[in-house]
Amino acid sequence: MRISVVTPSLNMAPYLEDTIKSVIGNLKAGDEYFVIDGGSTDGSIDIIRRHEDRITDWVSASDAGYADALAKGFARASGDILCWINAGDMYLAGALDAARKRMTEDLDMIFGDDFYIDEANKILAYSRGWVPDLRMAMLYGGWTPLQDACFWRRSLYQKIGGVDRSLRYAADYDLFLRMAIAGRTGYVPLAFSAFRRHAGQKSISGSAAYEDERKRVRAREIGGCRSASAMKALYRCFTRVAMSARARLAPLLWRRPDLVGRLVTSLPCAGYWPAVPDRL
């Protein structure tokens, strides 16, 4: 199966090359890579041009935000499997082949684990992306899978109508929620990627706006469910308690302190829980 990767970017020159190299190092014959730049003025274009012989297509022009950039990228994609990696984040070696292997006929979308890294590519923490039921966790618990560790079929993306360009902050939550409702999803116990923490990132500076958009998206989808109001209230109460417990226990149960401080580039896509890696 062919994979199409999209990277939306705007003025991310300090980290963009790490992202591009991590994608290019994972590509196989037939795979596609699209970089959608929002009109950067910080040297990002020079970085993209250095690697354009390995990039399927790229563009640099003003857009309406990262959802608009994603929609532009996925509109160009022809692969069987779609995914995106934000500028600054990175795929681990072997990630795309692992996703290709785990996308079995009975699944439309898979989600896995990742690492949090600092500005120097050193590991801050390991993040396990497991939940028993993605639809319930998202719809009634407000949970979001680790975006950079998600892969889905293009047919599912087209079925739900793609990315909502009108959303400026929670387009990822909205997309994954609609795919979880419409498709067959499954957790894969592998760390596919690394999410970078850095000063000024939108997921931190726009947290209040993100939460507002997420609440509106959830309300819309819950309102569209056929379940009785009493059942919806029960689901919401139970799932909220379960996800709250998960948030408190995860840092204690799924820690990998032995990996903190290591360069993430030294680690392959593998299972890092339990503590003995299940290498591919």
C-alpha atoms as a PDB file:
ATOM      1  CA  MET A   1       0.000   0.000   0.000  1.00  0.00           C
ATOM      2  CA  ARG A   2       1.226   3.460  -0.934  1.00  0.00           C
ATOM      3  CA  ILE A   3       1.403   6.150   1.763  1.00  0.00           C
ATOM      4  CA  SER A   4       0.936   9.886   1.273  1.00  0.00           C
ATOM      5  CA  VAL A   5       2.403  12.206   3.931  1.00  0.00           C
ATOM      6  CA  VAL A   6       1.553  15.900   4.331  1.00  0.00           C
ATOM      7  CA  THR A   7       3.526  18.482   6.321  1.00  0.00           C
ATOM      8  CA  PRO A   8       1.875  21.869   6.934  1.00  0.00           C
ATOM      9  CA  SER A   9       4.396  24.531   7.919  1.00  0.00           C
ATOM     10  CA  LEU A  10       4.732  28.239   8.605  1.00  0.00           C
ATOM     11  CA  ASN A  11       7.997  29.859   9.732  1.00  0.00           C
ATOM     12  CA  MET A  12       9.366  26.657  11.270  1.00  0.00           C
ATOM     13  CA  ALA A  13      12.878  26.839   9.817  1.00  0.00           C
ATOM     14  CA  PRO A  14      14.692  25.801  13.045  1.00  0.00           C
ATOM     15  CA  TYR A  15      12.943  22.404  13.022  1.00  0.00           C
ATOM     16  CA  LEU A  16      11.615  21.871   9.493  1.00  0.00           C
ATOM     17  CA  GLU A  17      14.663  20.057   8.154  1.00  0.00           C
ATOM     18  CA  ASP A  18      14.493  17.438  10.916  1.00  0.00           C
ATOM     19  CA  THR A  19      10.890  16.766   9.953  1.00  0.00           C
ATOM     20  CA  ILE A  20      11.616  16.530   6.225  1.00  0.00           C
ATOM     21  CA  LYS A  21      14.576  14.202   6.751  1.00  0.00           C
ATOM     22  CA  SER A  22      12.532  11.929   9.012  1.00  0.00           C
ATOM     23  CA  VAL A  23       9.844  11.592   6.338  1.00  0.00           C
ATOM     24  CA  ILE A  24      12.218  11.143   3.405  1.00  0.00           C
ATOM     25  CA  GLY A  25      14.091   8.444   5.325  1.00  0.00           C
ATOM     26  CA  ASN A  26      10.840   6.473   5.628  1.00  0.00           C
ATOM     27  CA  LEU A  27       9.571   6.756   2.049  1.00  0.00           C
ATOM     28  CA  LYS A  28       9.451   3.745  -0.254  1.00  0.00           C
ATOM     29  CA  ALA A  29       8.805   3.547  -3.994  1.00  0.00           C
ATOM     30  CA  GLY A  30       5.324   4.860  -4.752  1.00  0.00           C
ATOM     31  CA  ASP A  31       4.958   6.834  -1.519  1.00  0.00           C
ATOM     32  CA  GLU A  32       4.253  10.560  -1.702  1.00  0.00           C
ATOM     33  CA  TYR A  33       5.344  13.551   0.351  1.00  0.00           C
ATOM     34  CA  PHE A  34       3.768  17.009   0.195  1.00  0.00           C
ATOM     35  CA  VAL A  35       5.021  20.089   2.055  1.00  0.00           C
ATOM     36  CA  ILE A  36       2.415  22.857   2.261  1.00  0.00           C
ATOM     37  CA  ASP A  37       4.059  26.061   3.433  1.00  0.00           C
ATOM     38  CA  GLY A  38       1.917  29.037   4.419  1.00  0.00           C
ATOM     39  CA  GLY A  39       4.243  31.688   2.984  1.00  0.00           C
ATOM     40  CA  SER A  40       7.210  31.488   5.347  1.00  0.00           C
ATOM     41  CA  THR A  41       9.750  34.312   5.503  1.00  0.00           C
ATOM     42  CA  ASP A  42      12.315  32.690   7.822  1.00  0.00           C
ATOM     43  CA  GLY A  43      14.384  30.577   5.436  1.00  0.00           C
ATOM     44  CA  SER A  44      11.992  27.616   5.316  1.00  0.00           C
ATOM     45  CA  ILE A  45      11.793  27.784   1.512  1.00  0.00           C
ATOM     46  CA  ASP A  46      15.565  27.318   1.206  1.00  0.00           C
ATOM     47  CA  ILE A  47      15.285  24.200   3.365  1.00  0.00           C
ATOM     48  CA  ILE A  48      12.453  22.798   1.260  1.00  0.00           C
ATOM     49  CA  ARG A  49      14.388  23.449  -1.953  1.00  0.00           C
ATOM     50  CA  ARG A  50      17.394  21.561  -0.603  1.00  0.00           C
ATOM     51  CA  HIS A  51      15.228  18.449  -0.468  1.00  0.00           C
ATOM     52  CA  GLU A  52      12.774  19.044  -3.316  1.00  0.00           C
ATOM     53  CA  ASP A  53      14.168  16.161  -5.391  1.00  0.00           C
ATOM     54  CA  ARG A  54      12.693  13.801  -2.752  1.00  0.00           C
ATOM     55  CA  ILE A  55       9.477  15.775  -2.185  1.00  0.00           C
ATOM     56  CA  THR A  56       6.564  14.881  -4.465  1.00  0.00           C
ATOM     57  CA  ASP A  57       5.205  18.433  -4.488  1.00  0.00           C
ATOM     58  CA  TRP A  58       5.399  21.585  -2.408  1.00  0.00           C
ATOM     59  CA  VAL A  59       3.884  25.027  -2.363  1.00  0.00           C
ATOM     60  CA  SER A  60       4.479  28.240  -0.449  1.00  0.00           C
ATOM     61  CA  ALA A  61       1.515  30.614  -0.364  1.00  0.00           C
ATOM     62  CA  SER A  62      -0.674  32.267   2.243  1.00  0.00           C
ATOM     63  CA  ASP A  63      -3.530  30.126   3.511  1.00  0.00           C
ATOM     64  CA  ALA A  64      -6.377  30.177   6.032  1.00  0.00           C
ATOM     65  CA  GLY A  65      -4.532  28.148   8.668  1.00  0.00           C
ATOM     66  CA  TYR A  66      -3.239  24.632   9.193  1.00  0.00           C
ATOM     67  CA  ALA A  67      -6.579  22.966   8.341  1.00  0.00           C
ATOM     68  CA  ASP A  68      -6.561  24.721   4.987  1.00  0.00           C
ATOM     69  CA  ALA A  69      -2.959  23.628   4.425  1.00  0.00           C
ATOM     70  CA  LEU A  70      -3.825  20.028   5.253  1.00  0.00           C
ATOM     71  CA  ALA A  71      -6.796  20.063   2.892  1.00  0.00           C
ATOM     72  CA  LYS A  72      -4.534  21.353   0.104  1.00  0.00           C
ATOM     73  CA  GLY A  73      -2.019  18.596   0.755  1.00  0.00           C
ATOM     74  CA  PHE A  74      -4.510  15.742   0.966  1.00  0.00           C
ATOM     75  CA  ALA A  75      -6.224  16.976  -2.209  1.00  0.00           C
ATOM     76  CA  ARG A  76      -2.944  16.231  -4.007  1.00  0.00           C
ATOM     77  CA  ALA A  77      -2.529  12.779  -2.444  1.00  0.00           C
ATOM     78  CA  SER A  78      -3.188   9.548  -4.312  1.00  0.00           C
ATOM     79  CA  GLY A  79      -1.863   7.034  -1.772  1.00  0.00           C
ATOM     80  CA  ASP A  80      -3.932   4.283  -0.149  1.00  0.00           C
ATOM     81  CA  ILE A  81      -2.967   5.520   3.348  1.00  0.00           C
ATOM     82  CA  LEU A  82      -2.838   9.135   4.501  1.00  0.00           C
ATOM     83  CA  CYS A  83      -1.068  10.787   7.437  1.00  0.00           C
ATOM     84  CA  TRP A  84       0.424  14.107   8.418  1.00  0.00           C
ATOM     85  CA  ILE A  85       3.413  15.187  10.418  1.00  0.00           C
ATOM     86  CA  ASN A  86       3.622  18.798  11.590  1.00  0.00           C
ATOM     87  CA  ALA A  87       6.765  20.810  10.987  1.00  0.00           C
ATOM     88  CA  GLY A  88       8.968  20.195  14.024  1.00  0.00           C
ATOM     89  CA  ASP A  89       7.705  16.683  14.710  1.00  0.00           C
ATOM     90  CA  MET A  90       9.488  13.553  13.448  1.00  0.00           C
ATOM     91  CA  TYR A  91       8.827   9.984  12.354  1.00  0.00           C
ATOM     92  CA  LEU A  92      10.989   7.263  13.858  1.00  0.00           C
ATOM     93  CA  ALA A  93      12.908   5.001  11.493  1.00  0.00           C
ATOM     94  CA  GLY A  94      10.620   2.329  10.052  1.00  0.00           C
ATOM     95  CA  ALA A  95       7.400   4.143  10.981  1.00  0.00           C
ATOM     96  CA  LEU A  96       5.750   4.119   7.558  1.00  0.00           C
ATOM     97  CA  ASP A  97       6.575   0.465   6.892  1.00  0.00           C
ATOM     98  CA  ALA A  98       5.172  -0.420  10.329  1.00  0.00           C
ATOM     99  CA  ALA A  99       1.952   1.474   9.537  1.00  0.00           C
ATOM    100  CA  ARG A 100       1.727  -0.212   6.160  1.00  0.00           C
ATOM    101  CA  LYS A 101       2.058  -3.615   7.797  1.00  0.00           C
ATOM    102  CA  ARG A 102      -0.498  -2.926  10.558  1.00  0.00           C
ATOM    103  CA  MET A 103      -3.196  -1.474   8.289  1.00  0.00           C
ATOM    104  CA  THR A 104      -5.000  -4.764   7.831  1.00  0.00           C
ATOM    105  CA  GLU A 105      -8.168  -5.288   5.793  1.00  0.00           C
ATOM    106  CA  ASP A 106     -10.397  -4.992   8.866  1.00  0.00           C
ATOM    107  CA  LEU A 107      -9.094  -1.543   9.826  1.00  0.00           C
ATOM    108  CA  ASP A 108      -9.638   1.911   8.327  1.00  0.00           C
ATOM    109  CA  MET A 109      -7.493   3.827  10.819  1.00  0.00           C
ATOM    110  CA  ILE A 110      -4.732   2.971  13.283  1.00  0.00           C
ATOM    111  CA  PHE A 111      -3.276   5.004  16.141  1.00  0.00           C
ATOM    112  CA  GLY A 112      -0.234   4.391  18.315  1.00  0.00           C
ATOM    113  CA  ASP A 113       2.366   5.862  20.690  1.00  0.00           C
ATOM    114  CA  ASP A 114       4.945   8.629  20.447  1.00  0.00           C
ATOM    115  CA  PHE A 115       7.615  10.520  22.367  1.00  0.00           C
ATOM    116  CA  TYR A 116       7.740  14.112  23.532  1.00  0.00           C
ATOM    117  CA  ILE A 117      11.046  15.728  22.586  1.00  0.00           C
ATOM    118  CA  ASP A 118      12.749  19.052  23.250  1.00  0.00           C
ATOM    119  CA  GLU A 119      14.261  21.544  20.830  1.00  0.00           C
ATOM    120  CA  ALA A 120      17.475  19.466  20.621  1.00  0.00           C
ATOM    121  CA  ASN A 121      15.662  16.199  19.703  1.00  0.00           C
ATOM    122  CA  LYS A 122      16.149  14.772  23.195  1.00  0.00           C
ATOM    123  CA  ILE A 123      13.365  12.712  24.744  1.00  0.00           C
ATOM    124  CA  LEU A 124      11.311  14.370  27.472  1.00  0.00           C
ATOM    125  CA  ALA A 125       8.751  11.600  27.965  1.00  0.00           C
ATOM    126  CA  TYR A 126       7.120   8.555  26.415  1.00  0.00           C
ATOM    127  CA  SER A 127       3.414   8.848  25.590  1.00  0.00           C
ATOM    128  CA  ARG A 128       1.241   5.767  25.200  1.00  0.00           C
ATOM    129  CA  GLY A 129      -1.749   6.293  22.917  1.00  0.00           C
ATOM    130  CA  TRP A 130      -3.867   3.330  24.018  1.00  0.00           C
ATOM    131  CA  VAL A 131      -7.604   3.505  24.640  1.00  0.00           C
ATOM    132  CA  PRO A 132      -9.951   0.492  24.332  1.00  0.00           C
ATOM    133  CA  ASP A 133     -12.509   2.276  22.138  1.00  0.00           C
ATOM    134  CA  LEU A 134     -11.419   5.342  20.185  1.00  0.00           C
ATOM    135  CA  ARG A 135     -14.952   6.423  19.282  1.00  0.00           C
ATOM    136  CA  MET A 136     -16.145   6.396  22.900  1.00  0.00           C
ATOM    137  CA  ALA A 137     -12.971   8.029  24.219  1.00  0.00           C
ATOM    138  CA  MET A 138     -13.273  10.889  21.754  1.00  0.00           C
ATOM    139  CA  LEU A 139     -17.029  11.362  21.642  1.00  0.00           C
ATOM    140  CA  TYR A 140     -17.810  11.131  25.348  1.00  0.00           C
ATOM    141  CA  GLY A 141     -14.398  11.602  26.965  1.00  0.00           C
ATOM    142  CA  GLY A 142     -13.040  14.425  24.824  1.00  0.00           C
ATOM    143  CA  TRP A 143      -9.807  12.466  24.291  1.00  0.00           C
ATOM    144  CA  THR A 144      -7.606  12.966  21.234  1.00  0.00           C
ATOM    145  CA  PRO A 145      -5.218  10.377  19.755  1.00  0.00           C
ATOM    146  CA  LEU A 146      -1.579  11.281  19.206  1.00  0.00           C
ATOM    147  CA  GLN A 147      -1.921  12.988  15.805  1.00  0.00           C
ATOM    148  CA  ASP A 148       1.553  12.183  14.527  1.00  0.00           C
ATOM    149  CA  ALA A 149       0.980   8.482  15.328  1.00  0.00           C
ATOM    150  CA  CYS A 150      -2.240   8.167  13.285  1.00  0.00           C
ATOM    151  CA  PHE A 151      -2.671   6.631   9.815  1.00  0.00           C
ATOM    152  CA  TRP A 152      -5.904   6.138   7.875  1.00  0.00           C
ATOM    153  CA  ARG A 153      -7.245   5.018   4.526  1.00  0.00           C
ATOM    154  CA  ARG A 154      -7.834   7.660   1.889  1.00  0.00           C
ATOM    155  CA  SER A 155     -11.242   6.084   1.253  1.00  0.00           C
ATOM    156  CA  LEU A 156     -12.279   6.876   4.849  1.00  0.00           C
ATOM    157  CA  TYR A 157     -11.003  10.440   4.545  1.00  0.00           C
ATOM    158  CA  GLN A 158     -13.048  10.931   1.399  1.00  0.00           C
ATOM    159  CA  LYS A 159     -16.105   9.278   2.934  1.00  0.00           C
ATOM    160  CA  ILE A 160     -16.312  11.822   5.775  1.00  0.00           C
ATOM    161  CA  GLY A 161     -15.584  14.812   3.541  1.00  0.00           C
ATOM    162  CA  GLY A 162     -12.005  15.470   4.631  1.00  0.00           C
ATOM    163  CA  VAL A 163     -10.613  18.213   6.859  1.00  0.00           C
ATOM    164  CA  ASP A 164     -12.945  21.005   7.959  1.00  0.00           C
ATOM    165  CA  ARG A 165     -11.118  24.098   6.677  1.00  0.00           C
ATOM    166  CA  SER A 166     -13.252  26.404   8.845  1.00  0.00           C
ATOM    167  CA  LEU A 167     -11.655  25.156  12.077  1.00  0.00           C
ATOM    168  CA  ARG A 168      -8.506  26.977  13.148  1.00  0.00           C
ATOM    169  CA  TYR A 169      -7.479  25.017  16.244  1.00  0.00           C
ATOM    170  CA  ALA A 170      -9.292  21.682  16.679  1.00  0.00           C
ATOM    171  CA  ALA A 171      -9.336  20.445  13.076  1.00  0.00           C
ATOM    172  CA  ASP A 172      -7.322  17.395  14.173  1.00  0.00           C
ATOM    173  CA  TYR A 173      -9.852  16.443  16.864  1.00  0.00           C
ATOM    174  CA  ASP A 174     -12.745  16.997  14.466  1.00  0.00           C
ATOM    175  CA  LEU A 175     -11.146  14.885  11.717  1.00  0.00           C
ATOM    176  CA  PHE A 176     -10.225  11.967  13.963  1.00  0.00           C
ATOM    177  CA  LEU A 177     -13.611  12.036  15.714  1.00  0.00           C
ATOM    178  CA  ARG A 178     -15.523  11.847  12.448  1.00  0.00           C
ATOM    179  CA  MET A 179     -13.239   9.051  11.205  1.00  0.00           C
ATOM    180  CA  ALA A 180     -13.618   7.149  14.498  1.00  0.00           C
ATOM    181  CA  ILE A 181     -17.395   7.333  14.146  1.00  0.00           C
ATOM    182  CA  ALA A 182     -17.457   6.345  10.456  1.00  0.00           C
ATOM    183  CA  GLY A 183     -14.630   3.800  10.296  1.00  0.00           C
ATOM    184  CA  ARG A 184     -13.022   0.806  11.961  1.00  0.00           C
ATOM    185  CA  THR A 185     -10.157   1.880  14.212  1.00  0.00           C
ATOM    186  CA  GLY A 186      -7.470   0.002  16.094  1.00  0.00           C
ATOM    187  CA  TYR A 187      -4.632   0.760  18.506  1.00  0.00           C
ATOM    188  CA  VAL A 188      -1.124  -0.384  17.519  1.00  0.00           C
ATOM    189  CA  PRO A 189       1.398  -0.672  20.414  1.00  0.00           C
ATOM    190  CA  LEU A 190       4.278   0.996  18.561  1.00  0.00           C
ATOM    191  CA  ALA A 191       5.911   4.411  18.957  1.00  0.00           C
ATOM    192  CA  PHE A 192       5.723   5.854  15.456  1.00  0.00           C
ATOM    193  CA  SER A 193       6.834   9.415  16.041  1.00  0.00           C
ATOM    194  CA  ALA A 194       8.065  12.271  18.198  1.00  0.00           C
ATOM    195  CA  PHE A 195       6.120  15.422  19.110  1.00  0.00           C
ATOM    196  CA  ARG A 196       8.303  18.456  19.728  1.00  0.00           C
ATOM    197  CA  ARG A 197       7.763  20.877  22.591  1.00  0.00           C
ATOM    198  CA  HIS A 198       9.029  24.346  21.736  1.00  0.00           C
ATOM    199  CA  ALA A 199       8.348  27.956  22.629  1.00  0.00           C
ATOM    200  CA  GLY A 200       5.391  29.556  20.893  1.00  0.00           C
ATOM    201  CA  GLN A 201       3.777  26.442  19.438  1.00  0.00           C
ATOM    202  CA  LYS A 202       0.121  26.835  18.562  1.00  0.00           C
ATOM    203  CA  SER A 203      -1.081  23.853  20.622  1.00  0.00           C
ATOM    204  CA  ILE A 204       0.087  25.690  23.749  1.00  0.00           C
ATOM    205  CA  SER A 205      -0.635  29.334  22.911  1.00  0.00           C
ATOM    206  CA  GLY A 206      -4.087  28.512  21.547  1.00  0.00           C
ATOM    207  CA  SER A 207      -5.186  26.007  24.188  1.00  0.00           C
ATOM    208  CA  ALA A 208      -8.312  27.962  25.233  1.00  0.00           C
ATOM    209  CA  ALA A 209      -9.480  28.398  21.638  1.00  0.00           C
ATOM    210  CA  TYR A 210      -8.746  24.726  20.954  1.00  0.00           C
ATOM    211  CA  GLU A 211     -10.914  23.667  23.887  1.00  0.00           C
ATOM    212  CA  ASP A 212     -13.761  25.898  22.719  1.00  0.00           C
ATOM    213  CA  GLU A 213     -13.717  24.426  19.217  1.00  0.00           C
ATOM    214  CA  ARG A 214     -13.449  20.902  20.573  1.00  0.00           C
ATOM    215  CA  LYS A 215     -16.526  21.381  22.777  1.00  0.00           C
ATOM    216  CA  ARG A 216     -18.541  22.620  19.804  1.00  0.00           C
ATOM    217  CA  VAL A 217     -17.426  19.680  17.658  1.00  0.00           C
ATOM    218  CA  ARG A 218     -18.305  17.168  20.384  1.00  0.00           C
ATOM    219  CA  ALA A 219     -21.713  18.724  20.964  1.00  0.00           C
ATOM    220  CA  ARG A 220     -22.468  18.514  17.258  1.00  0.00           C
ATOM    221  CA  GLU A 221     -21.539  14.840  16.984  1.00  0.00           C
ATOM    222  CA  ILE A 222     -23.216  13.797  20.246  1.00  0.00           C
ATOM    223  CA  GLY A 223     -26.355  15.573  19.123  1.00  0.00           C
ATOM    224  CA  GLY A 224     -26.297  13.541  15.937  1.00  0.00           C
ATOM    225  CA  CYS A 225     -26.079  10.184  17.732  1.00  0.00           C
ATOM    226  CA  ARG A 226     -29.201   8.022  17.804  1.00  0.00           C
ATOM    227  CA  SER A 227     -28.760   6.939  21.424  1.00  0.00           C
ATOM    228  CA  ALA A 228     -31.380   8.065  23.924  1.00  0.00           C
ATOM    229  CA  SER A 229     -30.563  11.140  26.007  1.00  0.00           C
ATOM    230  CA  ALA A 230     -30.291   9.055  29.179  1.00  0.00           C
ATOM    231  CA  MET A 231     -27.786   6.706  27.537  1.00  0.00           C
ATOM    232  CA  LYS A 232     -25.748   9.639  26.253  1.00  0.00           C
ATOM    233  CA  ALA A 233     -25.571  11.062  29.769  1.00  0.00           C
ATOM    234  CA  LEU A 234     -24.501   7.674  31.122  1.00  0.00           C
ATOM    235  CA  TYR A 235     -21.846   7.242  28.438  1.00  0.00           C
ATOM    236  CA  ARG A 236     -20.530  10.742  29.079  1.00  0.00           C
ATOM    237  CA  CYS A 237     -20.332  10.243  32.849  1.00  0.00           C
ATOM    238  CA  PHE A 238     -18.652   6.839  32.653  1.00  0.00           C
ATOM    239  CA  THR A 239     -16.191   7.816  29.924  1.00  0.00           C
ATOM    240  CA  ARG A 240     -15.293  11.115  31.599  1.00  0.00           C
ATOM    241  CA  VAL A 241     -14.374   9.235  34.796  1.00  0.00           C
ATOM    242  CA  ALA A 242     -12.396   6.636  32.848  1.00  0.00           C
ATOM    243  CA  MET A 243     -10.441   9.217  30.849  1.00  0.00           C
ATOM    244  CA  SER A 244      -9.771  11.306  33.953  1.00  0.00           C
ATOM    245  CA  ALA A 245      -8.345   8.233  35.675  1.00  0.00           C
ATOM    246  CA  ARG A 246      -6.257   7.501  32.588  1.00  0.00           C
ATOM    247  CA  ALA A 247      -4.809  11.013  32.601  1.00  0.00           C
ATOM    248  CA  ARG A 248      -3.785  10.690  36.260  1.00  0.00           C
ATOM    249  CA  LEU A 249      -2.408   7.163  36.055  1.00  0.00           C
ATOM    250  CA  ALA A 250      -0.666   7.271  32.667  1.00  0.00           C
ATOM    251  CA  PRO A 251       2.420   9.196  33.880  1.00  0.00           C
ATOM    252  CA  LEU A 252       2.847   6.615  36.655  1.00  0.00           C
ATOM    253  CA  LEU A 253       2.031   3.392  34.797  1.00  0.00           C
ATOM    254  CA  TRP A 254       3.626   4.023  31.406  1.00  0.00           C
ATOM    255  CA  ARG A 255       6.834   5.843  32.259  1.00  0.00           C
ATOM    256  CA  ARG A 256      10.123   5.156  30.468  1.00  0.00           C
ATOM    257  CA  PRO A 257      12.590   7.231  32.530  1.00  0.00           C
ATOM    258  CA  ASP A 258      15.467   5.186  31.108  1.00  0.00           C
ATOM    259  CA  LEU A 259      14.869   6.827  27.721  1.00  0.00           C
ATOM    260  CA  VAL A 260      14.651  10.432  28.934  1.00  0.00           C
ATOM    261  CA  GLY A 261      17.539  12.502  27.594  1.00  0.00           C
ATOM    262  CA  ARG A 262      18.335  10.174  24.699  1.00  0.00           C
ATOM    263  CA  LEU A 263      18.307  11.440  21.136  1.00  0.00           C
ATOM    264  CA  VAL A 264      15.062  10.307  19.564  1.00  0.00           C
ATOM    265  CA  THR A 265      16.903   9.760  16.289  1.00  0.00           C
ATOM    266  CA  SER A 266      18.665   6.811  17.915  1.00  0.00           C
ATOM    267  CA  LEU A 267      15.383   4.921  18.409  1.00  0.00           C
ATOM    268  CA  PRO A 268      13.455   2.911  15.786  1.00  0.00           C
ATOM    269  CA  CYS A 269       9.709   2.564  15.472  1.00  0.00           C
ATOM    270  CA  ALA A 270       9.056  -0.144  18.047  1.00  0.00           C
ATOM    271  CA  GLY A 271       6.991  -1.122  21.039  1.00  0.00           C
ATOM    272  CA  TYR A 272       8.293   0.644  24.138  1.00  0.00           C
ATOM    273  CA  TRP A 273       5.733  -0.712  26.561  1.00  0.00           C
ATOM    274  CA  PRO A 274       6.386  -2.901  28.458  1.00  0.00           C
ATOM    275  CA  ALA A 275       9.957  -1.841  29.063  1.00  0.00           C
ATOM    276  CA  VAL A 276      11.503  -4.460  26.736  1.00  0.00           C
ATOM    277  CA  PRO A 277      11.100  -3.094  23.184  1.00  0.00           C
ATOM    278  CA  ASP A 278       9.336  -5.262  20.604  1.00  0.00           C
ATOM    279  CA  ARG A 279      11.609  -4.298  17.728  1.00  0.00           C
ATOM    280  CA  LEU A 280      10.439  -4.733  14.163  1.00  0.00           C
END
